[in-house]
N, C-alpha and C. Protein backbone atom coordinates (compact mmCIF):
# COMPACT_ATOMS: atom_id res chain seq x y z
N UNK A 1 25.43 -40.55 36.23
CA UNK A 1 25.86 -40.05 37.52
C UNK A 1 27.32 -39.64 37.39
N UNK A 2 27.66 -38.48 37.95
CA UNK A 2 29.01 -37.96 37.77
C UNK A 2 29.94 -38.25 38.95
N UNK A 3 29.48 -38.88 39.97
CA UNK A 3 30.37 -39.20 41.10
C UNK A 3 30.72 -37.96 41.88
N UNK A 4 32.02 -37.79 42.15
CA UNK A 4 32.48 -36.66 42.96
C UNK A 4 32.56 -35.37 42.17
N UNK A 5 32.71 -35.46 40.85
CA UNK A 5 32.89 -34.27 40.04
C UNK A 5 31.66 -34.00 39.18
N UNK A 6 31.08 -32.84 39.39
CA UNK A 6 29.94 -32.47 38.55
C UNK A 6 30.41 -31.91 37.21
N UNK A 7 31.70 -31.63 37.11
CA UNK A 7 32.23 -31.05 35.87
C UNK A 7 32.00 -31.96 34.67
N UNK A 8 32.08 -33.26 34.84
CA UNK A 8 31.86 -34.18 33.72
C UNK A 8 30.45 -34.02 33.16
N UNK A 9 29.46 -33.91 34.02
CA UNK A 9 28.08 -33.72 33.57
C UNK A 9 27.92 -32.36 32.90
N UNK A 10 28.46 -31.34 33.53
CA UNK A 10 28.35 -29.98 32.99
C UNK A 10 29.04 -29.90 31.63
N UNK A 11 30.21 -30.52 31.52
CA UNK A 11 30.98 -30.49 30.27
C UNK A 11 30.17 -31.07 29.12
N UNK A 12 29.51 -32.20 29.34
CA UNK A 12 28.74 -32.83 28.27
C UNK A 12 27.48 -32.02 27.92
N UNK A 13 26.83 -31.47 28.93
CA UNK A 13 25.65 -30.65 28.67
C UNK A 13 26.03 -29.39 27.91
N UNK A 14 27.11 -28.75 28.34
CA UNK A 14 27.57 -27.54 27.67
C UNK A 14 27.98 -27.83 26.24
N UNK A 15 28.65 -28.95 26.03
CA UNK A 15 29.06 -29.33 24.69
C UNK A 15 27.87 -29.52 23.76
N UNK A 16 26.82 -30.16 24.25
CA UNK A 16 25.62 -30.38 23.44
C UNK A 16 24.93 -29.05 23.11
N UNK A 17 24.84 -28.16 24.11
CA UNK A 17 24.21 -26.87 23.89
C UNK A 17 25.01 -26.03 22.90
N UNK A 18 26.34 -26.04 23.04
CA UNK A 18 27.20 -25.28 22.14
C UNK A 18 27.11 -25.80 20.71
N UNK A 19 27.00 -27.10 20.54
CA UNK A 19 26.88 -27.68 19.21
C UNK A 19 25.58 -27.25 18.55
N UNK A 20 24.48 -27.29 19.28
CA UNK A 20 23.18 -26.87 18.74
C UNK A 20 23.19 -25.38 18.40
N UNK A 21 23.80 -24.58 19.27
CA UNK A 21 23.87 -23.14 19.05
C UNK A 21 24.73 -22.83 17.83
N UNK A 22 25.83 -23.57 17.66
CA UNK A 22 26.69 -23.39 16.50
C UNK A 22 25.97 -23.71 15.20
N UNK A 23 25.16 -24.75 15.19
CA UNK A 23 24.40 -25.10 13.99
C UNK A 23 23.41 -23.99 13.64
N UNK A 24 22.74 -23.46 14.66
CA UNK A 24 21.79 -22.38 14.44
C UNK A 24 22.49 -21.14 13.90
N UNK A 25 23.64 -20.78 14.49
CA UNK A 25 24.41 -19.62 14.04
C UNK A 25 24.81 -19.79 12.58
N UNK A 26 25.32 -20.96 12.21
CA UNK A 26 25.76 -21.21 10.84
C UNK A 26 24.60 -21.07 9.86
N UNK A 27 23.45 -21.60 10.23
CA UNK A 27 22.27 -21.52 9.37
C UNK A 27 21.85 -20.07 9.16
N UNK A 28 21.79 -19.31 10.24
CA UNK A 28 21.38 -17.91 10.15
C UNK A 28 22.38 -17.08 9.35
N UNK A 29 23.67 -17.34 9.54
CA UNK A 29 24.70 -16.59 8.82
C UNK A 29 24.61 -16.87 7.32
N UNK A 30 24.37 -18.12 6.94
CA UNK A 30 24.22 -18.44 5.51
C UNK A 30 23.02 -17.70 4.93
N UNK A 31 21.92 -17.63 5.69
CA UNK A 31 20.74 -16.92 5.21
C UNK A 31 21.00 -15.42 5.06
N UNK A 32 21.79 -14.86 5.96
CA UNK A 32 22.16 -13.44 5.85
C UNK A 32 22.99 -13.23 4.59
N UNK A 33 23.94 -14.12 4.32
CA UNK A 33 24.78 -14.01 3.11
C UNK A 33 23.94 -14.02 1.85
N UNK A 34 23.01 -14.96 1.77
CA UNK A 34 22.17 -15.07 0.57
C UNK A 34 21.29 -13.84 0.41
N UNK A 35 20.73 -13.35 1.49
CA UNK A 35 19.89 -12.15 1.43
C UNK A 35 20.71 -10.95 0.94
N UNK A 36 21.95 -10.83 1.42
CA UNK A 36 22.81 -9.73 0.99
C UNK A 36 23.19 -9.87 -0.49
N UNK A 37 23.42 -11.09 -0.93
CA UNK A 37 23.79 -11.32 -2.33
C UNK A 37 22.63 -10.99 -3.26
N UNK A 38 21.42 -11.35 -2.87
CA UNK A 38 20.27 -11.17 -3.75
C UNK A 38 19.74 -9.75 -3.77
N UNK A 39 19.83 -9.03 -2.64
CA UNK A 39 19.20 -7.71 -2.59
C UNK A 39 20.13 -6.57 -2.22
N UNK A 40 21.41 -6.84 -2.05
CA UNK A 40 22.35 -5.79 -1.66
C UNK A 40 22.58 -5.78 -0.16
N UNK A 41 23.62 -5.07 0.26
CA UNK A 41 24.04 -5.08 1.65
C UNK A 41 23.43 -4.01 2.54
N UNK A 42 22.52 -3.20 2.00
CA UNK A 42 21.91 -2.13 2.80
C UNK A 42 20.66 -2.67 3.50
N UNK A 43 20.68 -2.65 4.82
CA UNK A 43 19.57 -3.18 5.61
C UNK A 43 18.30 -2.34 5.42
N UNK A 44 18.44 -1.06 5.15
CA UNK A 44 17.29 -0.17 5.01
C UNK A 44 16.50 -0.45 3.74
N UNK A 45 17.19 -0.83 2.65
CA UNK A 45 16.51 -1.03 1.37
C UNK A 45 16.22 -2.50 1.06
N UNK A 46 16.88 -3.43 1.76
CA UNK A 46 16.71 -4.86 1.50
C UNK A 46 15.88 -5.47 2.64
N UNK A 47 14.59 -5.70 2.37
CA UNK A 47 13.67 -6.20 3.41
C UNK A 47 14.06 -7.60 3.88
N UNK A 48 14.50 -8.45 2.96
CA UNK A 48 14.89 -9.81 3.34
C UNK A 48 16.10 -9.78 4.26
N UNK A 49 17.07 -8.95 3.93
CA UNK A 49 18.26 -8.82 4.77
C UNK A 49 17.89 -8.27 6.14
N UNK A 50 16.98 -7.31 6.18
CA UNK A 50 16.55 -6.73 7.46
C UNK A 50 15.89 -7.80 8.33
N UNK A 51 15.07 -8.64 7.72
CA UNK A 51 14.40 -9.73 8.46
C UNK A 51 15.42 -10.73 8.98
N UNK A 52 16.38 -11.12 8.14
CA UNK A 52 17.39 -12.09 8.55
C UNK A 52 18.31 -11.49 9.63
N UNK A 53 18.61 -10.20 9.53
CA UNK A 53 19.41 -9.53 10.55
C UNK A 53 18.69 -9.58 11.89
N UNK A 54 17.38 -9.31 11.87
CA UNK A 54 16.57 -9.34 13.09
C UNK A 54 16.55 -10.74 13.70
N UNK A 55 16.37 -11.77 12.85
CA UNK A 55 16.37 -13.15 13.34
C UNK A 55 17.72 -13.53 13.95
N UNK A 56 18.79 -13.13 13.28
CA UNK A 56 20.13 -13.46 13.78
C UNK A 56 20.39 -12.77 15.12
N UNK A 57 20.01 -11.52 15.25
CA UNK A 57 20.21 -10.81 16.51
C UNK A 57 19.35 -11.42 17.62
N UNK A 58 18.13 -11.88 17.26
CA UNK A 58 17.25 -12.51 18.26
C UNK A 58 17.87 -13.81 18.77
N UNK A 59 18.67 -14.47 17.94
CA UNK A 59 19.35 -15.71 18.35
C UNK A 59 20.71 -15.43 18.97
N UNK A 60 21.03 -14.16 19.24
CA UNK A 60 22.28 -13.72 19.89
C UNK A 60 23.52 -13.93 19.03
N UNK A 61 23.38 -13.86 17.71
CA UNK A 61 24.55 -13.89 16.84
C UNK A 61 25.23 -12.53 16.96
N UNK A 62 26.56 -12.50 17.21
CA UNK A 62 27.26 -11.23 17.37
C UNK A 62 27.13 -10.34 16.12
N UNK A 63 27.03 -9.02 16.35
CA UNK A 63 26.84 -8.07 15.26
C UNK A 63 28.00 -8.10 14.27
N UNK A 64 29.25 -8.23 14.76
CA UNK A 64 30.38 -8.24 13.83
C UNK A 64 30.35 -9.49 12.94
N UNK A 65 29.84 -10.60 13.44
CA UNK A 65 29.71 -11.82 12.64
C UNK A 65 28.67 -11.60 11.55
N UNK A 66 27.60 -10.94 11.88
CA UNK A 66 26.55 -10.65 10.88
C UNK A 66 27.09 -9.71 9.82
N UNK A 67 27.84 -8.70 10.24
CA UNK A 67 28.40 -7.74 9.28
C UNK A 67 29.39 -8.41 8.34
N UNK A 68 30.20 -9.35 8.85
CA UNK A 68 31.12 -10.11 7.98
C UNK A 68 30.33 -10.94 6.98
N UNK A 69 29.23 -11.53 7.42
CA UNK A 69 28.38 -12.33 6.51
C UNK A 69 27.80 -11.45 5.41
N UNK A 70 27.38 -10.24 5.76
CA UNK A 70 26.86 -9.32 4.76
C UNK A 70 27.95 -8.97 3.75
N UNK A 71 29.16 -8.73 4.22
CA UNK A 71 30.27 -8.40 3.32
C UNK A 71 30.62 -9.58 2.41
N UNK A 72 30.55 -10.82 2.95
CA UNK A 72 30.78 -11.99 2.09
C UNK A 72 29.69 -12.10 1.05
N UNK A 73 28.46 -11.80 1.44
CA UNK A 73 27.34 -11.88 0.50
C UNK A 73 27.43 -10.86 -0.62
N UNK A 74 27.91 -9.67 -0.31
CA UNK A 74 28.03 -8.63 -1.34
C UNK A 74 29.33 -8.74 -2.12
N UNK A 75 30.22 -9.62 -1.71
CA UNK A 75 31.46 -9.84 -2.45
C UNK A 75 32.66 -9.05 -1.94
N UNK A 76 32.49 -8.31 -0.84
CA UNK A 76 33.60 -7.54 -0.29
C UNK A 76 34.64 -8.44 0.37
N UNK A 77 34.22 -9.60 0.88
CA UNK A 77 35.13 -10.58 1.47
C UNK A 77 35.02 -11.90 0.72
N UNK A 78 36.10 -12.68 0.75
CA UNK A 78 36.09 -14.00 0.13
C UNK A 78 35.30 -14.97 0.99
N UNK A 79 34.71 -15.98 0.37
CA UNK A 79 33.97 -16.99 1.10
C UNK A 79 33.25 -17.93 0.16
N UNK A 80 32.61 -18.92 0.72
CA UNK A 80 31.84 -19.88 -0.07
C UNK A 80 30.58 -19.19 -0.58
N UNK A 81 30.22 -19.48 -1.82
CA UNK A 81 29.03 -18.89 -2.42
C UNK A 81 27.85 -19.83 -2.26
N UNK A 82 26.85 -19.41 -1.51
CA UNK A 82 25.64 -20.19 -1.32
C UNK A 82 24.55 -19.64 -2.24
N UNK A 83 23.73 -20.54 -2.73
CA UNK A 83 22.60 -20.11 -3.54
C UNK A 83 21.34 -20.82 -3.08
N UNK A 84 20.22 -20.14 -3.25
CA UNK A 84 18.93 -20.71 -2.87
C UNK A 84 18.33 -21.40 -4.08
N UNK A 85 17.88 -22.64 -3.88
CA UNK A 85 17.28 -23.43 -4.94
C UNK A 85 15.96 -23.99 -4.42
N UNK A 86 14.93 -24.00 -5.25
CA UNK A 86 13.64 -24.57 -4.87
C UNK A 86 13.36 -25.80 -5.73
N UNK A 87 13.08 -26.90 -5.05
CA UNK A 87 12.72 -28.14 -5.73
C UNK A 87 11.25 -28.42 -5.50
N UNK A 88 10.62 -29.04 -6.49
CA UNK A 88 9.21 -29.35 -6.40
C UNK A 88 9.01 -30.85 -6.48
N UNK A 89 7.99 -31.34 -5.80
CA UNK A 89 7.73 -32.76 -5.84
C UNK A 89 6.40 -33.11 -5.22
N UNK A 90 6.14 -34.42 -5.20
CA UNK A 90 4.92 -34.94 -4.61
C UNK A 90 5.27 -35.95 -3.54
N UNK A 91 4.69 -35.79 -2.36
CA UNK A 91 4.83 -36.75 -1.28
C UNK A 91 3.83 -37.88 -1.53
N UNK A 92 3.84 -38.93 -0.71
CA UNK A 92 2.84 -39.99 -0.88
C UNK A 92 1.41 -39.44 -0.88
N UNK A 93 0.54 -40.06 -1.60
CA UNK A 93 -0.87 -39.67 -1.74
C UNK A 93 -1.04 -38.38 -2.54
N UNK A 94 -0.02 -37.98 -3.29
CA UNK A 94 -0.12 -36.82 -4.17
C UNK A 94 -0.07 -35.47 -3.51
N UNK A 95 0.47 -35.40 -2.29
CA UNK A 95 0.58 -34.12 -1.59
C UNK A 95 1.70 -33.30 -2.22
N UNK A 96 1.38 -32.07 -2.63
CA UNK A 96 2.36 -31.19 -3.26
C UNK A 96 3.35 -30.67 -2.23
N UNK A 97 4.64 -30.64 -2.61
CA UNK A 97 5.69 -30.21 -1.69
C UNK A 97 6.65 -29.27 -2.42
N UNK A 98 6.98 -28.14 -1.78
CA UNK A 98 8.04 -27.26 -2.23
C UNK A 98 9.18 -27.37 -1.23
N UNK A 99 10.41 -27.55 -1.71
CA UNK A 99 11.56 -27.68 -0.83
C UNK A 99 12.53 -26.55 -1.15
N UNK A 100 12.74 -25.65 -0.20
CA UNK A 100 13.71 -24.57 -0.36
C UNK A 100 15.04 -25.04 0.21
N UNK A 101 16.10 -24.96 -0.59
CA UNK A 101 17.41 -25.46 -0.20
C UNK A 101 18.43 -24.33 -0.35
N UNK A 102 19.33 -24.24 0.60
CA UNK A 102 20.45 -23.31 0.54
C UNK A 102 21.70 -24.16 0.40
N UNK A 103 22.41 -24.05 -0.72
CA UNK A 103 23.51 -24.97 -0.98
C UNK A 103 24.68 -24.27 -1.67
N UNK A 104 25.85 -24.89 -1.54
CA UNK A 104 27.02 -24.42 -2.28
C UNK A 104 27.30 -25.33 -3.47
N UNK A 105 26.55 -26.44 -3.61
CA UNK A 105 26.71 -27.36 -4.72
C UNK A 105 25.32 -27.81 -5.18
N UNK A 106 24.88 -27.24 -6.27
CA UNK A 106 23.53 -27.47 -6.78
C UNK A 106 23.29 -28.94 -7.16
N UNK A 107 24.28 -29.58 -7.76
CA UNK A 107 24.13 -30.97 -8.19
C UNK A 107 23.98 -31.92 -7.00
N UNK A 108 24.81 -31.72 -5.98
CA UNK A 108 24.73 -32.57 -4.79
C UNK A 108 23.39 -32.39 -4.09
N UNK A 109 22.94 -31.14 -3.97
CA UNK A 109 21.66 -30.87 -3.30
C UNK A 109 20.51 -31.53 -4.06
N UNK A 110 20.53 -31.44 -5.38
CA UNK A 110 19.48 -32.05 -6.18
C UNK A 110 19.42 -33.56 -5.99
N UNK A 111 20.59 -34.20 -5.95
CA UNK A 111 20.65 -35.65 -5.75
C UNK A 111 20.14 -36.03 -4.36
N UNK A 112 20.51 -35.25 -3.35
CA UNK A 112 20.07 -35.56 -1.99
C UNK A 112 18.55 -35.37 -1.82
N UNK A 113 18.00 -34.33 -2.41
CA UNK A 113 16.56 -34.11 -2.33
C UNK A 113 15.81 -35.23 -3.06
N UNK A 114 16.31 -35.60 -4.24
CA UNK A 114 15.69 -36.70 -4.99
C UNK A 114 15.73 -38.00 -4.19
N UNK A 115 16.84 -38.24 -3.51
CA UNK A 115 16.99 -39.44 -2.68
C UNK A 115 15.97 -39.46 -1.55
N UNK A 116 15.76 -38.33 -0.89
CA UNK A 116 14.78 -38.26 0.20
C UNK A 116 13.37 -38.50 -0.33
N UNK A 117 13.03 -37.88 -1.46
CA UNK A 117 11.71 -38.12 -2.05
C UNK A 117 11.51 -39.60 -2.35
N UNK A 118 12.51 -40.23 -2.94
CA UNK A 118 12.41 -41.65 -3.31
C UNK A 118 12.27 -42.53 -2.08
N UNK A 119 13.08 -42.29 -1.04
CA UNK A 119 13.01 -43.08 0.19
C UNK A 119 11.64 -43.01 0.85
N UNK A 120 11.02 -41.84 0.80
CA UNK A 120 9.76 -41.64 1.50
C UNK A 120 8.54 -41.95 0.64
N UNK A 121 8.75 -42.46 -0.56
CA UNK A 121 7.63 -42.86 -1.40
C UNK A 121 7.06 -41.73 -2.24
N UNK A 122 7.81 -40.65 -2.40
CA UNK A 122 7.35 -39.53 -3.21
C UNK A 122 8.09 -39.49 -4.53
N UNK A 123 7.95 -38.39 -5.24
CA UNK A 123 8.66 -38.24 -6.50
C UNK A 123 8.93 -36.76 -6.77
N UNK A 124 10.04 -36.50 -7.45
CA UNK A 124 10.37 -35.14 -7.86
C UNK A 124 9.47 -34.76 -9.02
N UNK A 125 9.19 -33.47 -9.15
CA UNK A 125 8.34 -32.98 -10.23
C UNK A 125 9.12 -31.97 -11.07
N UNK A 126 8.61 -31.70 -12.22
CA UNK A 126 9.22 -30.71 -13.10
C UNK A 126 9.00 -29.31 -12.53
N UNK A 127 9.91 -28.37 -12.81
CA UNK A 127 9.73 -27.00 -12.33
C UNK A 127 8.41 -26.40 -12.83
N UNK A 128 7.65 -25.83 -11.92
CA UNK A 128 6.39 -25.20 -12.25
C UNK A 128 5.17 -26.09 -12.10
N UNK A 129 5.37 -27.40 -11.92
CA UNK A 129 4.23 -28.30 -11.84
C UNK A 129 3.58 -28.30 -10.47
N UNK A 130 4.26 -27.80 -9.45
CA UNK A 130 3.72 -27.75 -8.09
C UNK A 130 3.59 -26.31 -7.60
N UNK A 131 4.51 -25.45 -8.00
CA UNK A 131 4.58 -24.10 -7.44
C UNK A 131 3.34 -23.26 -7.71
N UNK A 132 2.56 -23.57 -8.74
CA UNK A 132 1.36 -22.79 -9.02
C UNK A 132 0.33 -22.92 -7.90
N UNK A 133 0.45 -23.94 -7.06
CA UNK A 133 -0.51 -24.17 -5.98
C UNK A 133 -0.18 -23.37 -4.71
N UNK A 134 0.99 -22.72 -4.69
CA UNK A 134 1.45 -22.02 -3.50
C UNK A 134 1.62 -20.53 -3.80
N UNK A 135 1.57 -19.73 -2.74
CA UNK A 135 1.90 -18.31 -2.86
C UNK A 135 2.74 -17.92 -1.64
N UNK A 136 3.72 -17.06 -1.86
CA UNK A 136 4.56 -16.59 -0.76
C UNK A 136 3.83 -15.48 -0.03
N UNK A 137 3.74 -15.61 1.28
CA UNK A 137 3.04 -14.64 2.11
C UNK A 137 3.87 -14.32 3.34
N UNK A 138 3.79 -13.11 3.79
CA UNK A 138 4.37 -12.74 5.06
C UNK A 138 3.33 -12.98 6.15
N UNK A 139 3.73 -13.58 7.26
CA UNK A 139 2.80 -13.89 8.34
C UNK A 139 3.31 -13.28 9.64
N UNK A 140 2.44 -12.54 10.31
CA UNK A 140 2.79 -11.89 11.57
C UNK A 140 1.75 -12.33 12.61
N UNK A 141 2.21 -12.76 13.78
CA UNK A 141 1.32 -13.16 14.86
C UNK A 141 1.34 -12.11 15.95
N UNK A 142 0.15 -11.68 16.37
CA UNK A 142 0.01 -10.68 17.42
C UNK A 142 -0.82 -11.29 18.54
N UNK A 143 -0.30 -11.23 19.76
CA UNK A 143 -1.01 -11.78 20.91
C UNK A 143 -1.26 -10.71 21.94
N UNK A 144 -1.32 -11.13 23.18
CA UNK A 144 -1.46 -10.20 24.29
C UNK A 144 -2.85 -9.63 24.45
N UNK A 145 -3.87 -10.31 23.92
CA UNK A 145 -5.25 -9.85 24.11
C UNK A 145 -5.57 -8.56 23.39
N UNK A 146 -4.95 -8.33 22.24
CA UNK A 146 -5.21 -7.11 21.48
C UNK A 146 -6.62 -7.13 20.90
N UNK A 147 -7.23 -5.97 20.81
CA UNK A 147 -8.59 -5.89 20.27
C UNK A 147 -8.54 -5.89 18.74
N UNK A 148 -9.63 -6.34 18.15
CA UNK A 148 -9.70 -6.44 16.69
C UNK A 148 -9.55 -5.07 16.03
N UNK A 149 -10.15 -4.05 16.62
CA UNK A 149 -10.08 -2.71 16.04
C UNK A 149 -8.65 -2.18 16.02
N UNK A 150 -7.92 -2.38 17.12
CA UNK A 150 -6.54 -1.90 17.20
C UNK A 150 -5.65 -2.61 16.16
N UNK A 151 -5.79 -3.93 16.09
CA UNK A 151 -4.99 -4.71 15.15
C UNK A 151 -5.33 -4.33 13.72
N UNK A 152 -6.62 -4.25 13.41
CA UNK A 152 -7.05 -3.94 12.05
C UNK A 152 -6.59 -2.56 11.62
N UNK A 153 -6.74 -1.59 12.50
CA UNK A 153 -6.36 -0.22 12.16
C UNK A 153 -4.86 -0.13 11.86
N UNK A 154 -4.03 -0.69 12.75
CA UNK A 154 -2.58 -0.60 12.56
C UNK A 154 -2.12 -1.42 11.36
N UNK A 155 -2.66 -2.63 11.19
CA UNK A 155 -2.18 -3.52 10.14
C UNK A 155 -2.61 -3.06 8.75
N UNK A 156 -3.87 -2.71 8.60
CA UNK A 156 -4.35 -2.32 7.27
C UNK A 156 -3.74 -1.02 6.80
N UNK A 157 -3.49 -0.10 7.71
CA UNK A 157 -2.83 1.15 7.33
C UNK A 157 -1.40 0.90 6.85
N UNK A 158 -0.75 -0.16 7.36
CA UNK A 158 0.63 -0.47 6.99
C UNK A 158 0.72 -1.35 5.75
N UNK A 159 -0.42 -1.84 5.23
CA UNK A 159 -0.39 -2.61 4.00
C UNK A 159 -0.66 -4.09 4.15
N UNK A 160 -1.26 -4.51 5.25
CA UNK A 160 -1.60 -5.93 5.42
C UNK A 160 -2.77 -6.29 4.51
N UNK A 161 -2.84 -7.57 4.13
CA UNK A 161 -3.90 -8.04 3.25
C UNK A 161 -5.07 -8.66 4.00
N UNK A 162 -4.77 -9.43 5.07
CA UNK A 162 -5.83 -10.16 5.75
C UNK A 162 -5.50 -10.29 7.24
N UNK A 163 -6.55 -10.34 8.07
CA UNK A 163 -6.41 -10.50 9.52
C UNK A 163 -7.40 -11.56 9.96
N UNK A 164 -6.90 -12.58 10.70
CA UNK A 164 -7.79 -13.62 11.23
C UNK A 164 -7.50 -13.84 12.70
N UNK A 165 -8.54 -14.23 13.44
CA UNK A 165 -8.41 -14.50 14.87
C UNK A 165 -8.32 -16.01 15.08
N UNK A 166 -7.29 -16.45 15.79
CA UNK A 166 -7.12 -17.87 16.10
C UNK A 166 -6.90 -18.01 17.61
N UNK A 167 -7.97 -18.17 18.34
CA UNK A 167 -7.93 -18.38 19.80
C UNK A 167 -7.16 -17.29 20.53
N UNK A 168 -7.47 -16.05 20.28
CA UNK A 168 -6.84 -14.94 20.98
C UNK A 168 -5.55 -14.44 20.36
N UNK A 169 -5.05 -15.12 19.34
CA UNK A 169 -3.86 -14.67 18.62
C UNK A 169 -4.29 -14.23 17.24
N UNK A 170 -3.87 -13.05 16.84
CA UNK A 170 -4.23 -12.51 15.53
C UNK A 170 -3.16 -12.90 14.52
N UNK A 171 -3.60 -13.45 13.39
CA UNK A 171 -2.70 -13.81 12.29
C UNK A 171 -2.91 -12.80 11.18
N UNK A 172 -1.85 -12.10 10.84
CA UNK A 172 -1.91 -11.05 9.83
C UNK A 172 -1.07 -11.51 8.65
N UNK A 173 -1.62 -11.47 7.44
CA UNK A 173 -0.87 -11.83 6.24
C UNK A 173 -0.68 -10.60 5.36
N UNK A 174 0.46 -10.59 4.66
CA UNK A 174 0.78 -9.48 3.79
C UNK A 174 1.79 -9.95 2.74
N UNK A 175 2.18 -9.07 1.86
CA UNK A 175 3.24 -9.37 0.91
C UNK A 175 4.54 -9.56 1.68
N UNK A 176 5.41 -10.50 1.26
CA UNK A 176 6.66 -10.73 1.99
C UNK A 176 7.54 -9.48 2.12
N UNK A 177 7.51 -8.61 1.14
CA UNK A 177 8.34 -7.41 1.19
C UNK A 177 7.82 -6.37 2.20
N UNK A 178 6.59 -6.53 2.67
CA UNK A 178 6.00 -5.56 3.60
C UNK A 178 5.98 -6.03 5.04
N UNK A 179 6.57 -7.20 5.34
CA UNK A 179 6.51 -7.76 6.69
C UNK A 179 7.10 -6.79 7.71
N UNK A 180 8.27 -6.27 7.42
CA UNK A 180 8.94 -5.38 8.39
C UNK A 180 8.14 -4.09 8.59
N UNK A 181 7.57 -3.58 7.53
CA UNK A 181 6.76 -2.35 7.61
C UNK A 181 5.52 -2.57 8.48
N UNK A 182 4.83 -3.70 8.27
CA UNK A 182 3.64 -4.00 9.06
C UNK A 182 4.02 -4.27 10.51
N UNK A 183 5.11 -5.00 10.72
CA UNK A 183 5.56 -5.29 12.08
C UNK A 183 5.88 -4.01 12.84
N UNK A 184 6.59 -3.10 12.19
CA UNK A 184 6.94 -1.82 12.82
C UNK A 184 5.69 -1.03 13.17
N UNK A 185 4.70 -1.04 12.28
CA UNK A 185 3.46 -0.31 12.55
C UNK A 185 2.71 -0.91 13.73
N UNK A 186 2.69 -2.24 13.82
CA UNK A 186 2.01 -2.91 14.93
C UNK A 186 2.70 -2.60 16.26
N UNK A 187 4.03 -2.67 16.26
CA UNK A 187 4.78 -2.36 17.49
C UNK A 187 4.62 -0.89 17.86
N UNK A 188 4.55 -0.02 16.86
CA UNK A 188 4.34 1.40 17.11
C UNK A 188 2.99 1.68 17.71
N UNK A 189 2.01 0.82 17.43
CA UNK A 189 0.66 0.97 17.99
C UNK A 189 0.56 0.35 19.38
N UNK A 190 1.69 -0.18 19.89
CA UNK A 190 1.71 -0.75 21.24
C UNK A 190 1.21 -2.18 21.31
N UNK A 191 1.21 -2.89 20.17
CA UNK A 191 0.75 -4.29 20.16
C UNK A 191 1.95 -5.22 20.29
N UNK A 192 1.69 -6.39 20.89
CA UNK A 192 2.75 -7.37 21.16
C UNK A 192 2.88 -8.32 19.97
N UNK A 193 3.98 -8.18 19.20
CA UNK A 193 4.23 -9.05 18.05
C UNK A 193 4.97 -10.29 18.54
N UNK A 194 4.34 -11.47 18.37
CA UNK A 194 4.95 -12.71 18.82
C UNK A 194 5.95 -13.25 17.82
N UNK A 195 5.63 -13.17 16.55
CA UNK A 195 6.58 -13.58 15.51
C UNK A 195 6.22 -12.92 14.21
N UNK A 196 7.21 -12.81 13.33
CA UNK A 196 7.00 -12.23 12.00
C UNK A 196 7.87 -12.97 11.01
């Protein structure tokens, strides 16, 4: 209860919201940097960067902040160098797990991931011992009561691999590099894309 002043309540709520928003912004900006470093700073030719740019804009990250992140990723500006690392392991009962990590210190990240596996009763695995069980896929969800014919026509023409119906929502899978192309084709056909 805030008594006579509601500002105390508002201040704490705003502080919590700002902290959560700041964490999200930092995460998205790091992902933009890595995408720019791995595939170049051109949004038109780098599908991963285009996807991360879209996600960042959807979360209301300012455009100039995204552009600075792209420049840091391509080396035009100074900054911390983040790299993507994938660790493999087994959770309890032999469940295969892939862990994608974005870090500025590979050794520290490896130790922390190993610690989490050990605490939870799992174990780290050698590179390649788990990854053969997984494949990277682009996933697009289409809702809004779209008909199967409309979804199939737009998606397959754009390069989608598979289409499944899950309670009125269409799940479309494709190669990760073709997600933006398929999404654009679906939106061009007037279909409601829920996520990509």
